[in-house]
Amino acid sequence: MQWSEGTWTHDPGAVIMEGDDLVVEAVEGSDAWRITSYGFIHDSEHALVAPFPPDSAVEVEFTLTLEEQFDQAGVFVRADAENWVKAGVEFADGTPNLGAVVTQGRSDWSSAPVPEWRGRRVTIRASRSEDALTVRARVGEEPFRFVRLCPLEATRALVAGPYLCAPTRSGLRVRFHRWSLTSPDASLH
């Protein structure tokens, strides 16, 4: 997909084209979260989204340069302000973590450390099939690993694309290399 095919959920601080790459700077305090454990609602992520039709997959590739608490980048899938998924890498407690937040009124969070991914190209893939969204991720050309399976309404209108957030600082820049819409994964396993 061309970067120009998307629209921002919330405008980032800066957007720079460098060759085919899109370098995006997050606004300090940007985040996506609803209620659980923290009690607040943050709806200020920077997601470049376009229609995400049934029986398709969205892939986003970026270089992992997250360095400060809660820096994050990956794929954002949105139905509305209370129903969305963000999946990718988030820097938490001193290390990058691969994970997902699924929000259906309230957010949850799953993550696993991937310190060996620092400085490398990461691809996050979200496949939409029937009543499910399957998230996978990989670094470089390694095989995709399973991240998350979550429910979604099969006929619901969705948008999806690359996203980033910087809840605790200014100056986060993420270099996105690719954004594509492809066929969904054939199976869960």
N, C-alpha and C. Protein backbone atom coordinates (compact mmCIF):
# COMPACT_ATOMS: atom_id res chain seq x y z
N MET A 1 0.84 -1.19 0.00
CA MET A 1 0.00 0.00 0.00
C MET A 1 0.87 1.24 0.00
N GLN A 2 0.39 2.27 -0.61
CA GLN A 2 1.09 3.55 -0.59
C GLN A 2 0.77 4.26 0.72
N TRP A 3 1.74 4.97 1.27
CA TRP A 3 1.52 5.70 2.52
C TRP A 3 0.37 6.70 2.36
N SER A 4 0.21 7.24 1.16
CA SER A 4 -0.83 8.24 0.92
C SER A 4 -2.26 7.66 0.94
N GLU A 5 -2.39 6.33 0.99
CA GLU A 5 -3.71 5.70 1.01
C GLU A 5 -4.36 5.75 2.39
N GLY A 6 -3.59 6.10 3.41
CA GLY A 6 -4.12 6.08 4.77
C GLY A 6 -4.45 7.47 5.29
N THR A 7 -5.20 7.49 6.37
CA THR A 7 -5.48 8.72 7.11
C THR A 7 -5.11 8.47 8.57
N TRP A 8 -4.65 9.51 9.24
CA TRP A 8 -4.21 9.41 10.63
C TRP A 8 -5.40 9.46 11.59
N THR A 9 -5.39 8.56 12.58
CA THR A 9 -6.40 8.64 13.63
C THR A 9 -6.16 9.89 14.47
N HIS A 10 -4.90 10.22 14.71
CA HIS A 10 -4.48 11.44 15.40
C HIS A 10 -3.16 11.87 14.77
N ASP A 11 -3.04 13.12 14.41
CA ASP A 11 -1.85 13.60 13.72
C ASP A 11 -0.60 13.42 14.57
N PRO A 12 0.47 12.86 13.98
CA PRO A 12 1.75 12.77 14.69
C PRO A 12 2.44 14.13 14.71
N GLY A 13 3.56 14.19 15.43
CA GLY A 13 4.32 15.43 15.51
C GLY A 13 4.99 15.79 14.20
N ALA A 14 5.45 14.76 13.47
CA ALA A 14 6.11 14.98 12.18
C ALA A 14 6.01 13.71 11.35
N VAL A 15 5.95 13.89 10.02
CA VAL A 15 5.94 12.79 9.07
C VAL A 15 6.91 13.16 7.97
N ILE A 16 7.91 12.31 7.75
CA ILE A 16 8.95 12.60 6.77
C ILE A 16 9.10 11.41 5.84
N MET A 17 9.07 11.65 4.53
CA MET A 17 9.36 10.60 3.56
C MET A 17 10.87 10.58 3.32
N GLU A 18 11.49 9.43 3.51
CA GLU A 18 12.91 9.24 3.21
C GLU A 18 13.02 8.06 2.27
N GLY A 19 13.12 8.34 0.97
CA GLY A 19 13.05 7.28 -0.03
C GLY A 19 11.67 6.67 0.03
N ASP A 20 11.59 5.33 0.18
CA ASP A 20 10.30 4.66 0.30
C ASP A 20 9.85 4.55 1.75
N ASP A 21 10.69 4.92 2.70
CA ASP A 21 10.37 4.81 4.12
C ASP A 21 9.57 6.01 4.62
N LEU A 22 8.73 5.75 5.60
CA LEU A 22 7.97 6.80 6.27
C LEU A 22 8.51 6.90 7.69
N VAL A 23 9.10 8.04 8.02
CA VAL A 23 9.63 8.27 9.37
C VAL A 23 8.63 9.16 10.10
N VAL A 24 8.14 8.65 11.24
CA VAL A 24 7.06 9.33 11.96
C VAL A 24 7.53 9.64 13.38
N GLU A 25 7.25 10.86 13.81
CA GLU A 25 7.57 11.28 15.18
C GLU A 25 6.29 11.36 15.99
N ALA A 26 6.29 10.69 17.13
CA ALA A 26 5.10 10.67 18.00
C ALA A 26 5.05 11.92 18.87
N VAL A 27 3.86 12.30 19.22
CA VAL A 27 3.63 13.38 20.17
C VAL A 27 3.74 12.80 21.58
N GLU A 28 4.39 13.52 22.47
CA GLU A 28 4.49 13.06 23.85
C GLU A 28 3.10 12.89 24.45
N GLY A 29 2.89 11.77 25.13
CA GLY A 29 1.60 11.49 25.74
C GLY A 29 0.66 10.69 24.85
N SER A 30 1.04 10.40 23.62
CA SER A 30 0.18 9.61 22.73
C SER A 30 0.10 8.17 23.24
N ASP A 31 -1.10 7.61 23.19
CA ASP A 31 -1.29 6.24 23.67
C ASP A 31 -2.69 5.76 23.31
N ALA A 32 -2.90 4.45 23.44
CA ALA A 32 -4.21 3.84 23.27
C ALA A 32 -4.41 2.85 24.42
N TRP A 33 -5.38 3.11 25.26
CA TRP A 33 -5.69 2.26 26.41
C TRP A 33 -7.07 2.63 26.93
N ARG A 34 -7.78 1.63 27.46
CA ARG A 34 -9.10 1.87 28.05
C ARG A 34 -9.22 1.19 29.41
N ILE A 35 -9.15 1.94 30.46
CA ILE A 35 -9.62 1.65 31.81
C ILE A 35 -8.81 0.62 32.61
N THR A 36 -8.72 -0.63 32.15
CA THR A 36 -8.22 -1.74 32.95
C THR A 36 -6.96 -1.41 33.74
N SER A 37 -7.00 -1.65 35.03
CA SER A 37 -5.91 -1.51 35.99
C SER A 37 -5.47 -0.07 36.23
N TYR A 38 -5.38 0.75 35.18
CA TYR A 38 -4.92 2.12 35.33
C TYR A 38 -6.06 3.11 35.58
N GLY A 39 -7.27 2.78 35.11
CA GLY A 39 -8.43 3.63 35.34
C GLY A 39 -8.61 4.77 34.36
N PHE A 40 -7.68 4.94 33.40
CA PHE A 40 -7.81 6.05 32.46
C PHE A 40 -8.17 5.56 31.07
N ILE A 41 -8.59 6.50 30.23
CA ILE A 41 -8.82 6.23 28.81
C ILE A 41 -7.89 7.13 28.01
N HIS A 42 -7.03 6.50 27.21
CA HIS A 42 -6.16 7.23 26.29
C HIS A 42 -6.57 6.85 24.87
N ASP A 43 -6.89 7.84 24.08
CA ASP A 43 -7.32 7.64 22.70
C ASP A 43 -6.59 8.67 21.84
N SER A 44 -5.26 8.55 21.81
CA SER A 44 -4.46 9.55 21.10
C SER A 44 -3.32 8.94 20.29
N GLU A 45 -3.44 7.65 19.96
CA GLU A 45 -2.42 6.96 19.16
C GLU A 45 -2.28 7.62 17.79
N HIS A 46 -1.15 7.38 17.16
CA HIS A 46 -0.93 7.82 15.78
C HIS A 46 -1.00 6.57 14.91
N ALA A 47 -2.14 6.34 14.28
CA ALA A 47 -2.31 5.18 13.41
C ALA A 47 -2.69 5.66 12.01
N LEU A 48 -1.94 5.19 11.04
CA LEU A 48 -2.21 5.51 9.64
C LEU A 48 -3.07 4.37 9.10
N VAL A 49 -4.36 4.60 8.95
CA VAL A 49 -5.28 3.50 8.67
C VAL A 49 -6.01 3.66 7.33
N ALA A 50 -6.40 2.48 6.82
CA ALA A 50 -7.20 2.38 5.60
C ALA A 50 -8.16 1.21 5.80
N PRO A 51 -9.18 1.08 4.95
CA PRO A 51 -10.12 -0.03 5.11
C PRO A 51 -9.41 -1.39 5.18
N PHE A 52 -9.91 -2.25 6.08
CA PHE A 52 -9.36 -3.59 6.33
C PHE A 52 -10.50 -4.58 6.09
N PRO A 53 -10.64 -5.05 4.85
CA PRO A 53 -11.79 -5.88 4.50
C PRO A 53 -11.70 -7.29 5.09
N PRO A 54 -12.84 -7.98 5.18
CA PRO A 54 -12.83 -9.38 5.61
C PRO A 54 -11.93 -10.21 4.71
N ASP A 55 -11.41 -11.29 5.26
CA ASP A 55 -10.56 -12.23 4.53
C ASP A 55 -9.35 -11.56 3.89
N SER A 56 -8.65 -10.77 4.70
CA SER A 56 -7.41 -10.15 4.26
C SER A 56 -6.46 -10.07 5.46
N ALA A 57 -5.24 -9.66 5.18
CA ALA A 57 -4.24 -9.47 6.24
C ALA A 57 -3.52 -8.16 5.99
N VAL A 58 -3.15 -7.49 7.06
CA VAL A 58 -2.36 -6.28 6.97
C VAL A 58 -1.00 -6.58 7.59
N GLU A 59 0.06 -6.13 6.91
CA GLU A 59 1.43 -6.28 7.41
C GLU A 59 2.09 -4.93 7.49
N VAL A 60 2.87 -4.73 8.55
CA VAL A 60 3.63 -3.50 8.74
C VAL A 60 5.06 -3.90 9.12
N GLU A 61 6.03 -3.29 8.45
CA GLU A 61 7.44 -3.54 8.75
C GLU A 61 8.10 -2.24 9.21
N PHE A 62 8.86 -2.32 10.32
CA PHE A 62 9.54 -1.15 10.86
C PHE A 62 10.85 -1.59 11.51
N THR A 63 11.75 -0.63 11.72
CA THR A 63 12.98 -0.92 12.44
C THR A 63 12.76 -0.66 13.92
N LEU A 64 13.14 -1.63 14.74
CA LEU A 64 12.91 -1.55 16.18
C LEU A 64 13.99 -0.69 16.84
N THR A 65 13.61 0.55 17.16
CA THR A 65 14.52 1.51 17.81
C THR A 65 13.88 2.09 19.07
N LEU A 66 12.95 1.36 19.66
CA LEU A 66 12.27 1.84 20.86
C LEU A 66 13.24 1.78 22.04
N GLU A 67 13.27 2.86 22.86
CA GLU A 67 14.29 2.94 23.91
C GLU A 67 13.77 3.34 25.27
N GLU A 68 12.60 3.95 25.34
CA GLU A 68 12.12 4.47 26.62
C GLU A 68 10.78 3.88 26.99
N GLN A 69 10.46 3.92 28.28
CA GLN A 69 9.28 3.26 28.82
C GLN A 69 8.02 3.55 28.01
N PHE A 70 7.40 2.47 27.56
CA PHE A 70 6.14 2.43 26.84
C PHE A 70 6.20 2.96 25.40
N ASP A 71 7.40 3.24 24.83
CA ASP A 71 7.52 3.47 23.39
C ASP A 71 6.92 2.25 22.70
N GLN A 72 6.18 2.46 21.61
CA GLN A 72 5.54 1.32 20.94
C GLN A 72 5.30 1.58 19.47
N ALA A 73 5.29 0.48 18.69
CA ALA A 73 5.01 0.55 17.25
C ALA A 73 4.51 -0.80 16.77
N GLY A 74 3.72 -0.76 15.70
CA GLY A 74 3.21 -2.00 15.13
C GLY A 74 2.01 -1.77 14.26
N VAL A 75 0.98 -2.63 14.42
CA VAL A 75 -0.26 -2.59 13.64
C VAL A 75 -1.41 -2.19 14.55
N PHE A 76 -2.27 -1.30 14.06
CA PHE A 76 -3.47 -0.90 14.78
C PHE A 76 -4.68 -1.29 13.94
N VAL A 77 -5.64 -1.99 14.55
CA VAL A 77 -6.88 -2.39 13.90
C VAL A 77 -8.01 -1.76 14.69
N ARG A 78 -8.84 -0.97 14.03
CA ARG A 78 -9.86 -0.19 14.76
C ARG A 78 -11.26 -0.35 14.15
N ALA A 79 -12.21 -0.60 15.05
CA ALA A 79 -13.62 -0.54 14.67
C ALA A 79 -14.19 0.80 15.11
N ASP A 80 -13.95 1.16 16.38
CA ASP A 80 -14.38 2.44 16.94
C ASP A 80 -13.56 2.71 18.19
N ALA A 81 -13.90 3.75 18.94
CA ALA A 81 -13.11 4.17 20.10
C ALA A 81 -13.07 3.13 21.21
N GLU A 82 -14.04 2.22 21.24
CA GLU A 82 -14.09 1.22 22.30
C GLU A 82 -13.73 -0.18 21.84
N ASN A 83 -13.46 -0.36 20.57
CA ASN A 83 -13.17 -1.68 20.01
C ASN A 83 -12.01 -1.59 19.03
N TRP A 84 -10.85 -2.07 19.46
CA TRP A 84 -9.64 -1.98 18.65
C TRP A 84 -8.58 -2.96 19.16
N VAL A 85 -7.58 -3.18 18.34
CA VAL A 85 -6.43 -4.02 18.69
C VAL A 85 -5.17 -3.28 18.28
N LYS A 86 -4.18 -3.25 19.18
CA LYS A 86 -2.86 -2.81 18.78
C LYS A 86 -1.92 -3.97 19.04
N ALA A 87 -1.06 -4.26 18.07
CA ALA A 87 -0.14 -5.38 18.17
C ALA A 87 1.22 -4.95 17.65
N GLY A 88 2.27 -5.32 18.36
CA GLY A 88 3.60 -4.96 17.92
C GLY A 88 4.59 -5.09 19.05
N VAL A 89 5.50 -4.13 19.10
CA VAL A 89 6.54 -4.14 20.12
C VAL A 89 6.39 -2.91 20.99
N GLU A 90 6.50 -3.12 22.30
CA GLU A 90 6.44 -2.03 23.27
C GLU A 90 7.62 -2.16 24.21
N PHE A 91 8.31 -1.05 24.44
CA PHE A 91 9.45 -1.05 25.36
C PHE A 91 8.89 -0.89 26.77
N ALA A 92 9.11 -1.89 27.61
CA ALA A 92 8.59 -1.83 28.98
C ALA A 92 9.58 -2.48 29.93
N ASP A 93 9.82 -1.80 31.03
CA ASP A 93 10.69 -2.33 32.08
C ASP A 93 12.08 -2.71 31.57
N GLY A 94 12.61 -1.86 30.68
CA GLY A 94 14.00 -2.00 30.24
C GLY A 94 14.24 -2.89 29.04
N THR A 95 13.18 -3.40 28.40
CA THR A 95 13.40 -4.27 27.25
C THR A 95 12.23 -4.20 26.27
N PRO A 96 12.48 -4.47 24.98
CA PRO A 96 11.37 -4.55 24.03
C PRO A 96 10.56 -5.81 24.29
N ASN A 97 9.23 -5.67 24.18
CA ASN A 97 8.32 -6.79 24.38
C ASN A 97 7.36 -6.90 23.20
N LEU A 98 7.22 -8.11 22.68
CA LEU A 98 6.26 -8.41 21.62
C LEU A 98 4.92 -8.70 22.26
N GLY A 99 3.86 -8.07 21.78
CA GLY A 99 2.58 -8.34 22.40
C GLY A 99 1.42 -7.70 21.68
N ALA A 100 0.29 -7.72 22.37
CA ALA A 100 -0.95 -7.16 21.81
C ALA A 100 -1.83 -6.66 22.93
N VAL A 101 -2.61 -5.64 22.61
CA VAL A 101 -3.67 -5.13 23.48
C VAL A 101 -4.97 -5.28 22.69
N VAL A 102 -5.90 -6.04 23.26
CA VAL A 102 -7.22 -6.22 22.65
C VAL A 102 -8.20 -5.45 23.51
N THR A 103 -8.97 -4.57 22.88
CA THR A 103 -9.90 -3.71 23.60
C THR A 103 -11.31 -3.91 23.08
N GLN A 104 -12.18 -4.35 23.98
CA GLN A 104 -13.60 -4.47 23.72
C GLN A 104 -14.29 -3.82 24.92
N GLY A 105 -14.28 -2.49 24.92
CA GLY A 105 -14.77 -1.72 26.06
C GLY A 105 -13.69 -1.46 27.08
N ARG A 106 -12.92 -2.49 27.39
CA ARG A 106 -11.78 -2.40 28.33
C ARG A 106 -10.59 -3.08 27.68
N SER A 107 -9.41 -2.59 27.95
CA SER A 107 -8.18 -3.14 27.36
C SER A 107 -7.61 -4.28 28.19
N ASP A 108 -6.93 -5.21 27.49
CA ASP A 108 -6.08 -6.18 28.15
C ASP A 108 -4.69 -6.04 27.54
N TRP A 109 -3.72 -6.81 28.02
CA TRP A 109 -2.35 -6.68 27.50
C TRP A 109 -1.63 -8.00 27.68
N SER A 110 -1.04 -8.50 26.61
CA SER A 110 -0.17 -9.66 26.69
C SER A 110 1.17 -9.28 26.07
N SER A 111 2.27 -9.78 26.67
CA SER A 111 3.58 -9.44 26.11
C SER A 111 4.62 -10.48 26.51
N ALA A 112 5.69 -10.52 25.73
CA ALA A 112 6.83 -11.40 26.00
C ALA A 112 8.09 -10.68 25.53
N PRO A 113 9.18 -10.73 26.31
CA PRO A 113 10.39 -10.00 25.96
C PRO A 113 11.05 -10.53 24.68
N VAL A 114 11.55 -9.57 23.87
CA VAL A 114 12.30 -9.90 22.64
C VAL A 114 13.54 -8.99 22.55
N PRO A 115 14.44 -9.03 23.54
CA PRO A 115 15.58 -8.12 23.52
C PRO A 115 16.49 -8.32 22.31
N GLU A 116 16.51 -9.52 21.75
CA GLU A 116 17.35 -9.82 20.59
C GLU A 116 16.84 -9.15 19.32
N TRP A 117 15.66 -8.55 19.34
CA TRP A 117 15.10 -7.87 18.19
C TRP A 117 15.57 -6.42 18.06
N ARG A 118 16.26 -5.88 19.04
CA ARG A 118 16.71 -4.48 18.99
C ARG A 118 17.49 -4.19 17.71
N GLY A 119 17.13 -3.06 17.08
CA GLY A 119 17.86 -2.61 15.90
C GLY A 119 17.55 -3.36 14.62
N ARG A 120 16.65 -4.33 14.67
CA ARG A 120 16.35 -5.15 13.50
C ARG A 120 14.98 -4.77 12.91
N ARG A 121 14.74 -5.26 11.69
CA ARG A 121 13.45 -5.04 11.05
C ARG A 121 12.43 -6.04 11.57
N VAL A 122 11.29 -5.51 12.01
CA VAL A 122 10.21 -6.31 12.57
C VAL A 122 9.00 -6.21 11.64
N THR A 123 8.34 -7.34 11.41
CA THR A 123 7.08 -7.35 10.66
C THR A 123 5.98 -7.87 11.57
N ILE A 124 4.90 -7.11 11.66
CA ILE A 124 3.71 -7.51 12.40
C ILE A 124 2.62 -7.77 11.36
N ARG A 125 1.94 -8.90 11.51
CA ARG A 125 0.90 -9.32 10.55
C ARG A 125 -0.39 -9.62 11.31
N ALA A 126 -1.49 -8.99 10.88
CA ALA A 126 -2.81 -9.26 11.46
C ALA A 126 -3.70 -9.81 10.36
N SER A 127 -4.17 -11.04 10.52
CA SER A 127 -5.03 -11.71 9.53
C SER A 127 -6.47 -11.72 10.02
N ARG A 128 -7.35 -11.30 9.14
CA ARG A 128 -8.79 -11.26 9.45
C ARG A 128 -9.50 -12.37 8.68
N SER A 129 -10.02 -13.36 9.42
CA SER A 129 -10.73 -14.48 8.81
C SER A 129 -11.96 -14.80 9.63
N GLU A 130 -13.11 -14.77 8.97
CA GLU A 130 -14.40 -15.06 9.62
C GLU A 130 -14.55 -14.23 10.89
N ASP A 131 -14.61 -14.87 12.07
CA ASP A 131 -14.86 -14.14 13.32
C ASP A 131 -13.61 -13.97 14.17
N ALA A 132 -12.43 -13.97 13.52
CA ALA A 132 -11.19 -13.93 14.30
C ALA A 132 -10.13 -13.05 13.65
N LEU A 133 -9.28 -12.51 14.53
CA LEU A 133 -8.09 -11.78 14.10
C LEU A 133 -6.90 -12.56 14.67
N THR A 134 -5.98 -12.97 13.79
CA THR A 134 -4.79 -13.70 14.20
C THR A 134 -3.58 -12.80 14.00
N VAL A 135 -2.80 -12.62 15.06
CA VAL A 135 -1.61 -11.76 15.00
C VAL A 135 -0.36 -12.63 15.03
N ARG A 136 0.54 -12.34 14.11
CA ARG A 136 1.84 -13.01 14.05
C ARG A 136 2.91 -11.93 13.89
N ALA A 137 4.15 -12.30 14.21
CA ALA A 137 5.26 -11.35 14.08
C ALA A 137 6.55 -12.11 13.76
N ARG A 138 7.48 -11.38 13.17
CA ARG A 138 8.79 -11.95 12.92
C ARG A 138 9.82 -10.84 12.87
N VAL A 139 11.07 -11.24 12.96
CA VAL A 139 12.18 -10.32 12.79
C VAL A 139 12.98 -10.80 11.59
N GLY A 140 13.40 -9.86 10.74
CA GLY A 140 14.14 -10.23 9.54
C GLY A 140 13.33 -11.19 8.68
N GLU A 141 13.98 -12.24 8.23
CA GLU A 141 13.32 -13.26 7.40
C GLU A 141 13.01 -14.52 8.19
N GLU A 142 13.09 -14.46 9.51
CA GLU A 142 12.74 -15.62 10.33
C GLU A 142 11.27 -15.97 10.12
N PRO A 143 10.87 -17.20 10.46
CA PRO A 143 9.45 -17.56 10.34
C PRO A 143 8.59 -16.71 11.27
N PHE A 144 7.34 -16.49 10.87
CA PHE A 144 6.41 -15.78 11.73
C PHE A 144 6.13 -16.61 12.97
N ARG A 145 5.99 -15.93 14.12
CA ARG A 145 5.58 -16.61 15.35
C ARG A 145 4.20 -16.10 15.74
N PHE A 146 3.43 -17.00 16.32
CA PHE A 146 2.09 -16.68 16.77
C PHE A 146 2.15 -15.74 17.97
N VAL A 147 1.32 -14.69 17.96
CA VAL A 147 1.24 -13.72 19.05
C VAL A 147 -0.11 -13.78 19.75
N ARG A 148 -1.19 -13.77 18.97
CA ARG A 148 -2.51 -13.62 19.60
C ARG A 148 -3.60 -14.04 18.64
N LEU A 149 -4.67 -14.62 19.19
CA LEU A 149 -5.91 -14.88 18.47
C LEU A 149 -7.01 -14.22 19.27
N CYS A 150 -7.82 -13.38 18.62
CA CYS A 150 -8.90 -12.71 19.35
C CYS A 150 -10.15 -12.67 18.48
N PRO A 151 -11.32 -12.57 19.14
CA PRO A 151 -12.57 -12.54 18.38
C PRO A 151 -12.84 -11.16 17.79
N LEU A 152 -13.58 -11.16 16.69
CA LEU A 152 -14.12 -9.92 16.13
C LEU A 152 -15.34 -10.25 15.31
N GLU A 153 -16.20 -9.28 15.15
CA GLU A 153 -17.42 -9.50 14.36
C GLU A 153 -17.05 -9.61 12.89
N ALA A 154 -17.49 -10.68 12.27
CA ALA A 154 -17.10 -10.99 10.89
C ALA A 154 -17.47 -9.90 9.89
N THR A 155 -18.58 -9.22 10.11
CA THR A 155 -19.05 -8.23 9.12
C THR A 155 -18.77 -6.79 9.53
N ARG A 156 -18.10 -6.59 10.64
CA ARG A 156 -17.86 -5.24 11.14
C ARG A 156 -16.88 -4.48 10.24
N ALA A 157 -17.15 -3.22 10.00
CA ALA A 157 -16.23 -2.38 9.22
C ALA A 157 -15.01 -2.06 10.08
N LEU A 158 -13.82 -2.34 9.55
CA LEU A 158 -12.57 -2.10 10.27
C LEU A 158 -11.63 -1.29 9.39
N VAL A 159 -10.72 -0.58 10.05
CA VAL A 159 -9.58 0.05 9.39
C VAL A 159 -8.33 -0.46 10.08
N ALA A 160 -7.20 -0.42 9.38
CA ALA A 160 -5.96 -0.91 9.97
C ALA A 160 -4.76 -0.29 9.28
N GLY A 161 -3.62 -0.32 9.99
CA GLY A 161 -2.37 0.17 9.43
C GLY A 161 -1.32 0.35 10.50
N PRO A 162 -0.19 0.95 10.15
CA PRO A 162 0.90 1.15 11.10
C PRO A 162 0.54 2.16 12.18
N TYR A 163 1.11 1.96 13.37
CA TYR A 163 0.86 2.91 14.46
C TYR A 163 2.12 3.05 15.31
N LEU A 164 2.16 4.13 16.07
CA LEU A 164 3.17 4.35 17.09
C LEU A 164 2.59 5.21 18.19
N CYS A 165 3.18 5.10 19.38
CA CYS A 165 2.80 5.90 20.55
C CYS A 165 4.03 6.17 21.39
N ALA A 166 4.00 7.30 22.09
CA ALA A 166 5.06 7.66 23.03
C ALA A 166 4.42 8.23 24.29
N PRO A 167 3.89 7.36 25.17
CA PRO A 167 3.16 7.85 26.34
C PRO A 167 3.97 8.69 27.31
N THR A 168 5.30 8.47 27.38
CA THR A 168 6.07 9.11 28.45
C THR A 168 7.13 10.10 28.01
N ARG A 169 7.24 10.35 26.70
CA ARG A 169 8.32 11.24 26.28
C ARG A 169 8.08 11.86 24.91
N SER A 170 8.90 12.85 24.60
CA SER A 170 8.90 13.42 23.26
C SER A 170 10.10 12.86 22.50
N GLY A 171 10.07 12.99 21.18
CA GLY A 171 11.23 12.62 20.38
C GLY A 171 11.26 11.21 19.82
N LEU A 172 10.25 10.38 20.10
CA LEU A 172 10.25 9.03 19.52
C LEU A 172 10.01 9.13 18.02
N ARG A 173 10.92 8.54 17.25
CA ARG A 173 10.77 8.45 15.80
C ARG A 173 10.83 6.98 15.41
N VAL A 174 9.92 6.57 14.56
CA VAL A 174 9.88 5.20 14.07
C VAL A 174 9.97 5.24 12.55
N ARG A 175 10.84 4.37 12.01
CA ARG A 175 11.00 4.26 10.55
C ARG A 175 10.19 3.05 10.08
N PHE A 176 9.11 3.34 9.35
CA PHE A 176 8.28 2.30 8.77
C PHE A 176 8.76 2.05 7.34
N HIS A 177 8.96 0.78 7.00
CA HIS A 177 9.50 0.42 5.68
C HIS A 177 8.41 -0.02 4.70
N ARG A 178 7.37 -0.64 5.25
CA ARG A 178 6.37 -1.25 4.35
C ARG A 178 5.04 -1.39 5.07
N TRP A 179 3.98 -1.26 4.29
CA TRP A 179 2.61 -1.47 4.75
C TRP A 179 1.89 -2.14 3.60
N SER A 180 1.34 -3.35 3.84
CA SER A 180 0.70 -4.06 2.73
C SER A 180 -0.58 -4.74 3.18
N LEU A 181 -1.46 -4.95 2.23
CA LEU A 181 -2.70 -5.68 2.42
C LEU A 181 -2.57 -6.94 1.57
N THR A 182 -2.70 -8.11 2.18
CA THR A 182 -2.49 -9.38 1.49
C THR A 182 -3.60 -10.37 1.86
N SER A 183 -3.43 -11.59 1.41
CA SER A 183 -4.36 -12.67 1.78
C SER A 183 -4.15 -13.05 3.24
N PRO A 184 -5.22 -13.50 3.93
CA PRO A 184 -5.07 -13.89 5.33
C PRO A 184 -4.33 -15.21 5.46
N ASP A 185 -3.84 -15.50 6.66
CA ASP A 185 -3.21 -16.78 6.93
C ASP A 185 -4.23 -17.89 6.69
N ALA A 186 -3.76 -19.01 6.15
CA ALA A 186 -4.66 -20.10 5.81
C ALA A 186 -5.19 -20.83 7.03
N SER A 187 -4.41 -20.87 8.11
CA SER A 187 -4.85 -21.57 9.32
C SER A 187 -4.17 -20.97 10.53
N LEU A 188 -4.65 -21.37 11.70
CA LEU A 188 -4.07 -20.89 12.94
C LEU A 188 -2.70 -21.50 13.18
N HIS A 189 -2.53 -22.77 12.82
CA HIS A 189 -1.27 -23.49 13.12
C HIS A 189 -0.47 -23.74 11.86
